Amino acid sequence: MRKTLMIGAALALASSLACAQGYGPGYGQGRGMMGGYGMMGGYGMMGTPGMMGGYGAGGMFAALNLSDEQREKISAIQEAQRQKNWATMGAVRSEQFKLRGMYGTEKLDADKLVAQQKKVDELRQQMLKSRVEAHNQIAAVLTPEQRKQLRQFAPWWLTEEE
């Protein structure tokens, strides 16, 4: 159970960071402070592939040869996603801060820790649902061929073996 929660938490965090990234490789325009393109896309801080091993959301969409109309629709979906989850992400951080503080007490209260972790998990589930909805909205904007191409950028563990 704990392993499942940890994997879910890692995926939720990685997904939220990937969705927060704009159009194009890496963060903003150009390379990052250590010569890389960003945590989620292209090359990381030390010139190695990014944390998720791919191009990031913008880079993947850039490879799909989107029309201007598709690009505008996807950008609007991503912006709505960002606005929708901004307060929730702040709440997650706040509840995680409280949780970390609870671990610093002399005697740990298992019931209170579980209750606090549940708050964090519920907020993450809200964001996960929102990300899946945004993913489906974006998929609806793409042509069948573009969706097929997009699946090629999926992490290795999500691709089907032939």
N, C-alpha and C. Protein backbone atom coordinates (compact mmCIF):
# COMPACT_ATOMS: atom_id res chain seq x y z
N MET A 1 0.83 -1.19 0.00
CA MET A 1 0.00 0.00 0.00
C MET A 1 0.87 1.25 0.00
N ARG A 2 1.87 1.27 0.88
CA ARG A 2 2.73 2.43 0.97
C ARG A 2 3.52 2.63 -0.33
N LYS A 3 3.98 1.51 -0.91
CA LYS A 3 4.72 1.59 -2.17
C LYS A 3 3.83 2.16 -3.27
N THR A 4 2.58 1.74 -3.32
CA THR A 4 1.64 2.24 -4.31
C THR A 4 1.42 3.73 -4.13
N LEU A 5 1.27 4.18 -2.89
CA LEU A 5 1.09 5.60 -2.62
C LEU A 5 2.31 6.40 -3.05
N MET A 6 3.50 5.85 -2.77
CA MET A 6 4.73 6.56 -3.15
C MET A 6 4.85 6.67 -4.66
N ILE A 7 4.54 5.60 -5.38
CA ILE A 7 4.60 5.64 -6.84
C ILE A 7 3.56 6.63 -7.37
N GLY A 8 2.36 6.57 -6.81
CA GLY A 8 1.32 7.50 -7.22
C GLY A 8 1.71 8.94 -6.96
N ALA A 9 2.33 9.19 -5.81
CA ALA A 9 2.76 10.54 -5.47
C ALA A 9 3.84 11.01 -6.44
N ALA A 10 4.78 10.14 -6.77
CA ALA A 10 5.85 10.51 -7.71
C ALA A 10 5.27 10.81 -9.08
N LEU A 11 4.34 9.98 -9.53
CA LEU A 11 3.72 10.23 -10.84
C LEU A 11 2.91 11.51 -10.83
N ALA A 12 2.20 11.76 -9.73
CA ALA A 12 1.41 12.98 -9.64
C ALA A 12 2.31 14.21 -9.70
N LEU A 13 3.41 14.19 -8.98
CA LEU A 13 4.34 15.30 -8.99
C LEU A 13 4.95 15.48 -10.37
N ALA A 14 5.39 14.40 -10.96
CA ALA A 14 6.00 14.49 -12.29
C ALA A 14 5.00 14.99 -13.31
N SER A 15 3.77 14.55 -13.23
CA SER A 15 2.74 14.98 -14.16
C SER A 15 2.45 16.47 -14.01
N SER A 16 2.35 16.92 -12.78
CA SER A 16 2.06 18.34 -12.57
C SER A 16 3.19 19.20 -13.09
N LEU A 17 4.42 18.76 -12.93
CA LEU A 17 5.53 19.52 -13.46
C LEU A 17 5.54 19.51 -14.98
N ALA A 18 5.19 18.39 -15.57
CA ALA A 18 5.16 18.29 -17.03
C ALA A 18 4.06 19.17 -17.59
N CYS A 19 2.90 19.21 -16.93
CA CYS A 19 1.80 20.03 -17.41
C CYS A 19 2.08 21.52 -17.24
N ALA A 20 2.91 21.86 -16.29
CA ALA A 20 3.22 23.26 -16.05
C ALA A 20 4.15 23.84 -17.10
N GLN A 21 4.77 22.98 -17.88
CA GLN A 21 5.74 23.43 -18.86
C GLN A 21 5.02 23.95 -20.09
N GLY A 22 5.50 25.04 -20.63
CA GLY A 22 4.89 25.65 -21.80
C GLY A 22 5.36 25.03 -23.09
N TYR A 23 5.07 25.72 -24.20
CA TYR A 23 5.41 25.27 -25.54
C TYR A 23 6.91 25.34 -25.76
N GLY A 24 7.48 24.36 -26.37
CA GLY A 24 8.91 24.33 -26.69
C GLY A 24 9.69 23.55 -25.65
N PRO A 25 10.95 23.24 -25.95
CA PRO A 25 11.74 22.43 -25.03
C PRO A 25 12.15 23.20 -23.78
N GLY A 26 12.19 22.52 -22.66
CA GLY A 26 12.69 23.09 -21.41
C GLY A 26 11.81 24.21 -20.88
N TYR A 27 12.35 24.98 -19.95
CA TYR A 27 11.64 26.09 -19.36
C TYR A 27 11.97 27.36 -20.13
N GLY A 28 10.96 28.04 -20.60
CA GLY A 28 11.17 29.31 -21.27
C GLY A 28 11.98 29.15 -22.55
N GLN A 29 12.69 30.19 -22.90
CA GLN A 29 13.47 30.20 -24.12
C GLN A 29 14.91 29.85 -23.83
N GLY A 30 15.44 28.88 -24.53
CA GLY A 30 16.86 28.59 -24.43
C GLY A 30 17.23 27.67 -23.29
N ARG A 31 18.51 27.61 -23.02
CA ARG A 31 19.07 26.65 -22.09
C ARG A 31 19.05 27.18 -20.66
N GLY A 32 19.15 26.23 -19.73
CA GLY A 32 19.11 26.57 -18.30
C GLY A 32 20.47 26.92 -17.75
N MET A 33 20.51 27.07 -16.43
CA MET A 33 21.69 27.59 -15.77
C MET A 33 22.92 26.70 -15.93
N MET A 34 22.74 25.39 -16.06
CA MET A 34 23.88 24.50 -16.20
C MET A 34 24.03 24.00 -17.64
N GLY A 35 23.44 24.73 -18.58
CA GLY A 35 23.58 24.37 -19.97
C GLY A 35 22.53 23.39 -20.45
N GLY A 36 21.56 23.05 -19.62
CA GLY A 36 20.54 22.09 -20.00
C GLY A 36 19.23 22.78 -20.32
N TYR A 37 18.27 21.99 -20.80
CA TYR A 37 16.98 22.54 -21.22
C TYR A 37 15.90 22.42 -20.15
N GLY A 38 16.14 21.82 -19.05
CA GLY A 38 15.13 21.77 -18.01
C GLY A 38 14.89 20.38 -17.48
N MET A 39 14.23 20.33 -16.33
CA MET A 39 14.04 19.08 -15.61
C MET A 39 13.19 18.09 -16.40
N MET A 40 12.16 18.54 -17.05
CA MET A 40 11.23 17.62 -17.68
C MET A 40 11.47 17.45 -19.17
N GLY A 41 12.29 18.29 -19.76
CA GLY A 41 12.39 18.21 -21.20
C GLY A 41 13.80 18.31 -21.69
N GLY A 42 14.07 17.67 -22.80
CA GLY A 42 15.37 17.76 -23.43
C GLY A 42 16.46 17.29 -22.50
N TYR A 43 17.38 18.17 -22.23
CA TYR A 43 18.53 17.81 -21.41
C TYR A 43 18.48 18.54 -20.09
N GLY A 44 18.89 17.86 -19.06
CA GLY A 44 18.82 18.39 -17.70
C GLY A 44 19.95 19.33 -17.36
N MET A 45 20.07 19.63 -16.08
CA MET A 45 21.02 20.63 -15.61
C MET A 45 22.46 20.31 -15.97
N MET A 46 22.80 19.07 -16.00
CA MET A 46 24.19 18.70 -16.24
C MET A 46 24.42 18.18 -17.65
N GLY A 47 23.52 18.52 -18.59
CA GLY A 47 23.69 18.10 -19.97
C GLY A 47 23.25 16.68 -20.25
N THR A 48 22.54 16.08 -19.30
CA THR A 48 22.04 14.71 -19.49
C THR A 48 20.55 14.78 -19.76
N PRO A 49 19.94 13.68 -20.25
CA PRO A 49 18.50 13.73 -20.50
C PRO A 49 17.74 14.13 -19.25
N GLY A 50 16.62 14.83 -19.45
CA GLY A 50 15.82 15.34 -18.34
C GLY A 50 15.27 14.23 -17.46
N MET A 51 14.70 14.64 -16.33
CA MET A 51 14.23 13.72 -15.32
C MET A 51 13.25 12.70 -15.88
N MET A 52 12.40 13.11 -16.80
CA MET A 52 11.42 12.20 -17.36
C MET A 52 11.93 11.53 -18.63
N GLY A 53 13.15 11.84 -19.06
CA GLY A 53 13.77 11.15 -20.18
C GLY A 53 13.22 11.55 -21.53
N GLY A 54 12.50 12.66 -21.62
CA GLY A 54 11.92 13.03 -22.89
C GLY A 54 12.06 14.49 -23.19
N TYR A 55 11.19 14.97 -24.04
CA TYR A 55 11.26 16.34 -24.51
C TYR A 55 10.40 17.30 -23.70
N GLY A 56 9.59 16.81 -22.79
CA GLY A 56 8.66 17.68 -22.07
C GLY A 56 7.43 17.92 -22.93
N ALA A 57 6.40 18.51 -22.35
CA ALA A 57 5.13 18.66 -23.05
C ALA A 57 5.26 19.50 -24.31
N GLY A 58 5.95 20.63 -24.22
CA GLY A 58 6.07 21.50 -25.39
C GLY A 58 6.82 20.85 -26.52
N GLY A 59 7.91 20.18 -26.19
CA GLY A 59 8.72 19.53 -27.21
C GLY A 59 7.98 18.43 -27.93
N MET A 60 7.18 17.68 -27.20
CA MET A 60 6.39 16.62 -27.83
C MET A 60 5.39 17.21 -28.80
N PHE A 61 4.71 18.28 -28.39
CA PHE A 61 3.72 18.88 -29.26
C PHE A 61 4.39 19.55 -30.45
N ALA A 62 5.59 20.09 -30.26
CA ALA A 62 6.30 20.73 -31.36
C ALA A 62 6.61 19.72 -32.45
N ALA A 63 6.85 18.47 -32.08
CA ALA A 63 7.18 17.43 -33.06
C ALA A 63 5.95 16.95 -33.82
N LEU A 64 4.75 17.39 -33.43
CA LEU A 64 3.52 16.90 -34.08
C LEU A 64 3.06 17.77 -35.24
N ASN A 65 3.79 18.84 -35.51
CA ASN A 65 3.44 19.73 -36.62
C ASN A 65 2.00 20.23 -36.47
N LEU A 66 1.71 20.83 -35.34
CA LEU A 66 0.37 21.33 -35.04
C LEU A 66 0.03 22.52 -35.91
N SER A 67 -1.25 22.65 -36.23
CA SER A 67 -1.72 23.85 -36.91
C SER A 67 -1.76 24.97 -35.88
N ASP A 68 -1.87 26.20 -36.35
CA ASP A 68 -1.98 27.33 -35.41
C ASP A 68 -3.22 27.19 -34.53
N GLU A 69 -4.32 26.72 -35.11
CA GLU A 69 -5.55 26.54 -34.35
C GLU A 69 -5.37 25.49 -33.26
N GLN A 70 -4.72 24.36 -33.59
CA GLN A 70 -4.47 23.32 -32.59
C GLN A 70 -3.57 23.85 -31.48
N ARG A 71 -2.52 24.58 -31.86
CA ARG A 71 -1.59 25.12 -30.87
C ARG A 71 -2.31 26.06 -29.91
N GLU A 72 -3.20 26.90 -30.45
CA GLU A 72 -3.95 27.83 -29.61
C GLU A 72 -4.89 27.08 -28.65
N LYS A 73 -5.58 26.06 -29.18
CA LYS A 73 -6.50 25.29 -28.34
C LYS A 73 -5.74 24.56 -27.23
N ILE A 74 -4.59 23.96 -27.56
CA ILE A 74 -3.80 23.24 -26.56
C ILE A 74 -3.25 24.20 -25.53
N SER A 75 -2.79 25.35 -25.97
CA SER A 75 -2.29 26.35 -25.02
C SER A 75 -3.40 26.80 -24.07
N ALA A 76 -4.60 26.97 -24.60
CA ALA A 76 -5.73 27.37 -23.75
C ALA A 76 -6.07 26.28 -22.74
N ILE A 77 -6.02 25.03 -23.18
CA ILE A 77 -6.29 23.91 -22.26
C ILE A 77 -5.23 23.87 -21.17
N GLN A 78 -3.96 24.03 -21.55
CA GLN A 78 -2.88 24.01 -20.57
C GLN A 78 -2.98 25.17 -19.59
N GLU A 79 -3.36 26.35 -20.09
CA GLU A 79 -3.50 27.51 -19.20
C GLU A 79 -4.66 27.31 -18.24
N ALA A 80 -5.77 26.78 -18.73
CA ALA A 80 -6.91 26.50 -17.85
C ALA A 80 -6.52 25.47 -16.79
N GLN A 81 -5.74 24.48 -17.19
CA GLN A 81 -5.25 23.45 -16.26
C GLN A 81 -4.38 24.09 -15.18
N ARG A 82 -3.49 24.97 -15.60
CA ARG A 82 -2.60 25.64 -14.66
C ARG A 82 -3.41 26.46 -13.66
N GLN A 83 -4.35 27.25 -14.17
CA GLN A 83 -5.17 28.08 -13.29
C GLN A 83 -6.01 27.24 -12.33
N LYS A 84 -6.56 26.16 -12.85
CA LYS A 84 -7.41 25.29 -12.04
C LYS A 84 -6.63 24.66 -10.89
N ASN A 85 -5.39 24.27 -11.14
CA ASN A 85 -4.61 23.54 -10.14
C ASN A 85 -3.68 24.41 -9.31
N TRP A 86 -3.58 25.69 -9.61
CA TRP A 86 -2.63 26.55 -8.90
C TRP A 86 -2.90 26.56 -7.40
N ALA A 87 -4.14 26.81 -7.02
CA ALA A 87 -4.48 26.86 -5.59
C ALA A 87 -4.33 25.47 -4.96
N THR A 88 -4.68 24.43 -5.71
CA THR A 88 -4.56 23.07 -5.17
C THR A 88 -3.10 22.72 -4.92
N MET A 89 -2.22 23.12 -5.85
CA MET A 89 -0.78 22.85 -5.64
C MET A 89 -0.28 23.56 -4.39
N GLY A 90 -0.75 24.80 -4.15
CA GLY A 90 -0.38 25.51 -2.93
C GLY A 90 -0.90 24.80 -1.70
N ALA A 91 -2.12 24.27 -1.79
CA ALA A 91 -2.69 23.53 -0.66
C ALA A 91 -1.90 22.25 -0.39
N VAL A 92 -1.46 21.57 -1.46
CA VAL A 92 -0.65 20.36 -1.28
C VAL A 92 0.62 20.71 -0.52
N ARG A 93 1.29 21.77 -0.94
CA ARG A 93 2.52 22.17 -0.26
C ARG A 93 2.27 22.50 1.21
N SER A 94 1.18 23.20 1.46
CA SER A 94 0.84 23.57 2.83
C SER A 94 0.57 22.34 3.69
N GLU A 95 -0.19 21.40 3.16
CA GLU A 95 -0.50 20.18 3.92
C GLU A 95 0.74 19.30 4.09
N GLN A 96 1.62 19.28 3.08
CA GLN A 96 2.87 18.54 3.22
C GLN A 96 3.75 19.17 4.29
N PHE A 97 3.76 20.49 4.36
CA PHE A 97 4.53 21.19 5.39
C PHE A 97 4.04 20.79 6.77
N LYS A 98 2.72 20.75 6.94
CA LYS A 98 2.15 20.32 8.22
C LYS A 98 2.54 18.88 8.53
N LEU A 99 2.50 18.03 7.51
CA LEU A 99 2.85 16.63 7.69
C LEU A 99 4.31 16.49 8.13
N ARG A 100 5.21 17.21 7.47
CA ARG A 100 6.63 17.14 7.86
C ARG A 100 6.83 17.61 9.30
N GLY A 101 6.09 18.64 9.68
CA GLY A 101 6.17 19.13 11.06
C GLY A 101 5.71 18.10 12.07
N MET A 102 4.72 17.31 11.70
CA MET A 102 4.22 16.28 12.60
C MET A 102 5.26 15.19 12.83
N TYR A 103 6.11 14.96 11.85
CA TYR A 103 7.18 13.96 12.02
C TYR A 103 8.29 14.47 12.94
N GLY A 104 8.31 15.76 13.20
CA GLY A 104 9.35 16.33 14.05
C GLY A 104 9.03 16.32 15.52
N THR A 105 7.87 15.80 15.88
CA THR A 105 7.50 15.77 17.30
C THR A 105 8.20 14.61 18.00
N GLU A 106 8.25 14.70 19.32
CA GLU A 106 8.93 13.66 20.08
C GLU A 106 8.21 12.32 19.99
N LYS A 107 6.88 12.36 20.10
CA LYS A 107 6.11 11.12 19.99
C LYS A 107 5.17 11.25 18.79
N LEU A 108 5.31 10.32 17.85
CA LEU A 108 4.49 10.36 16.65
C LEU A 108 3.10 9.79 16.94
N ASP A 109 2.09 10.48 16.43
CA ASP A 109 0.71 10.02 16.57
C ASP A 109 0.28 9.43 15.23
N ALA A 110 0.18 8.11 15.17
CA ALA A 110 -0.12 7.42 13.91
C ALA A 110 -1.44 7.87 13.31
N ASP A 111 -2.47 8.04 14.12
CA ASP A 111 -3.78 8.43 13.60
C ASP A 111 -3.73 9.83 12.98
N LYS A 112 -3.05 10.75 13.64
CA LYS A 112 -2.94 12.11 13.10
C LYS A 112 -2.10 12.13 11.82
N LEU A 113 -1.01 11.35 11.81
CA LEU A 113 -0.17 11.28 10.61
C LEU A 113 -0.95 10.71 9.43
N VAL A 114 -1.71 9.66 9.66
CA VAL A 114 -2.50 9.05 8.58
C VAL A 114 -3.57 10.03 8.09
N ALA A 115 -4.21 10.73 9.01
CA ALA A 115 -5.24 11.70 8.63
C ALA A 115 -4.63 12.84 7.80
N GLN A 116 -3.45 13.31 8.20
CA GLN A 116 -2.80 14.38 7.46
C GLN A 116 -2.35 13.89 6.08
N GLN A 117 -1.80 12.68 6.02
CA GLN A 117 -1.39 12.12 4.73
C GLN A 117 -2.60 11.96 3.81
N LYS A 118 -3.74 11.62 4.39
CA LYS A 118 -4.96 11.48 3.60
C LYS A 118 -5.35 12.81 2.96
N LYS A 119 -5.17 13.91 3.68
CA LYS A 119 -5.45 15.24 3.12
C LYS A 119 -4.57 15.49 1.90
N VAL A 120 -3.28 15.19 2.04
CA VAL A 120 -2.34 15.38 0.93
C VAL A 120 -2.76 14.50 -0.26
N ASP A 121 -3.08 13.25 0.01
CA ASP A 121 -3.45 12.32 -1.05
C ASP A 121 -4.72 12.77 -1.78
N GLU A 122 -5.70 13.27 -1.04
CA GLU A 122 -6.95 13.72 -1.66
C GLU A 122 -6.70 14.90 -2.59
N LEU A 123 -5.83 15.82 -2.16
CA LEU A 123 -5.49 16.95 -3.02
C LEU A 123 -4.77 16.47 -4.28
N ARG A 124 -3.86 15.54 -4.13
CA ARG A 124 -3.15 15.00 -5.29
C ARG A 124 -4.10 14.29 -6.24
N GLN A 125 -5.08 13.60 -5.69
CA GLN A 125 -6.07 12.92 -6.54
C GLN A 125 -6.88 13.93 -7.34
N GLN A 126 -7.21 15.07 -6.73
CA GLN A 126 -7.91 16.13 -7.45
C GLN A 126 -7.09 16.59 -8.65
N MET A 127 -5.79 16.80 -8.42
CA MET A 127 -4.93 17.26 -9.52
C MET A 127 -4.77 16.18 -10.58
N LEU A 128 -4.67 14.93 -10.16
CA LEU A 128 -4.56 13.83 -11.12
C LEU A 128 -5.79 13.78 -12.02
N LYS A 129 -6.96 13.89 -11.42
CA LYS A 129 -8.20 13.88 -12.20
C LYS A 129 -8.21 15.04 -13.19
N SER A 130 -7.80 16.19 -12.74
CA SER A 130 -7.76 17.36 -13.61
C SER A 130 -6.77 17.16 -14.76
N ARG A 131 -5.62 16.54 -14.48
CA ARG A 131 -4.63 16.29 -15.54
C ARG A 131 -5.15 15.31 -16.57
N VAL A 132 -5.85 14.27 -16.11
CA VAL A 132 -6.41 13.29 -17.04
C VAL A 132 -7.47 13.95 -17.92
N GLU A 133 -8.30 14.79 -17.33
CA GLU A 133 -9.31 15.51 -18.10
C GLU A 133 -8.65 16.40 -19.15
N ALA A 134 -7.59 17.11 -18.76
CA ALA A 134 -6.88 17.98 -19.71
C ALA A 134 -6.23 17.14 -20.81
N HIS A 135 -5.65 16.00 -20.43
CA HIS A 135 -5.06 15.10 -21.43
C HIS A 135 -6.10 14.69 -22.46
N ASN A 136 -7.29 14.32 -22.00
CA ASN A 136 -8.35 13.90 -22.92
C ASN A 136 -8.82 15.06 -23.80
N GLN A 137 -8.86 16.26 -23.24
CA GLN A 137 -9.24 17.43 -24.04
C GLN A 137 -8.20 17.69 -25.14
N ILE A 138 -6.93 17.56 -24.78
CA ILE A 138 -5.86 17.77 -25.76
C ILE A 138 -5.91 16.69 -26.83
N ALA A 139 -6.13 15.45 -26.41
CA ALA A 139 -6.21 14.35 -27.38
C ALA A 139 -7.34 14.59 -28.37
N ALA A 140 -8.43 15.19 -27.92
CA ALA A 140 -9.56 15.46 -28.82
C ALA A 140 -9.21 16.52 -29.87
N VAL A 141 -8.22 17.36 -29.58
CA VAL A 141 -7.79 18.40 -30.53
C VAL A 141 -6.91 17.81 -31.62
N LEU A 142 -6.22 16.71 -31.31
CA LEU A 142 -5.26 16.11 -32.23
C LEU A 142 -5.95 15.20 -33.24
N THR A 143 -5.30 15.02 -34.38
CA THR A 143 -5.77 14.06 -35.37
C THR A 143 -5.35 12.66 -34.91
N PRO A 144 -5.97 11.62 -35.46
CA PRO A 144 -5.55 10.26 -35.08
C PRO A 144 -4.05 10.02 -35.32
N GLU A 145 -3.51 10.53 -36.40
CA GLU A 145 -2.09 10.36 -36.67
C GLU A 145 -1.23 11.09 -35.63
N GLN A 146 -1.64 12.29 -35.22
CA GLN A 146 -0.90 13.03 -34.19
C GLN A 146 -0.96 12.31 -32.85
N ARG A 147 -2.12 11.72 -32.53
CA ARG A 147 -2.21 10.95 -31.27
C ARG A 147 -1.27 9.75 -31.32
N LYS A 148 -1.19 9.12 -32.46
CA LYS A 148 -0.27 7.98 -32.62
C LYS A 148 1.18 8.44 -32.43
N GLN A 149 1.53 9.57 -33.04
CA GLN A 149 2.88 10.10 -32.89
C GLN A 149 3.16 10.48 -31.44
N LEU A 150 2.18 11.06 -30.77
CA LEU A 150 2.35 11.47 -29.37
C LEU A 150 2.64 10.27 -28.48
N ARG A 151 1.98 9.15 -28.75
CA ARG A 151 2.22 7.94 -27.95
C ARG A 151 3.66 7.45 -28.10
N GLN A 152 4.31 7.78 -29.19
CA GLN A 152 5.71 7.38 -29.39
C GLN A 152 6.63 8.08 -28.39
N PHE A 153 6.20 9.22 -27.86
CA PHE A 153 7.00 9.96 -26.88
C PHE A 153 6.76 9.49 -25.46
N ALA A 154 5.84 8.54 -25.28
CA ALA A 154 5.51 8.06 -23.93
C ALA A 154 6.74 7.41 -23.30
N PRO A 155 6.82 7.44 -21.98
CA PRO A 155 7.92 6.75 -21.31
C PRO A 155 7.93 5.28 -21.68
N TRP A 156 9.07 4.67 -21.62
CA TRP A 156 9.23 3.28 -22.07
C TRP A 156 8.26 2.33 -21.39
N TRP A 157 7.90 2.60 -20.11
CA TRP A 157 7.04 1.67 -19.40
C TRP A 157 5.58 1.77 -19.84
N LEU A 158 5.23 2.79 -20.63
CA LEU A 158 3.87 2.92 -21.10
C LEU A 158 3.69 2.48 -22.54
N THR A 159 4.77 2.19 -23.21
CA THR A 159 4.66 1.78 -24.61
C THR A 159 4.38 0.29 -24.69
N GLU A 160 3.65 -0.09 -25.72
CA GLU A 160 3.32 -1.49 -25.92
C GLU A 160 4.47 -2.17 -26.63
N GLU A 161 4.76 -3.40 -26.23
CA GLU A 161 5.79 -4.17 -26.92
C GLU A 161 5.19 -4.75 -28.18
N GLU A 162 6.01 -4.81 -29.21
CA GLU A 162 5.53 -5.36 -30.48
C GLU A 162 5.88 -6.79 -30.62
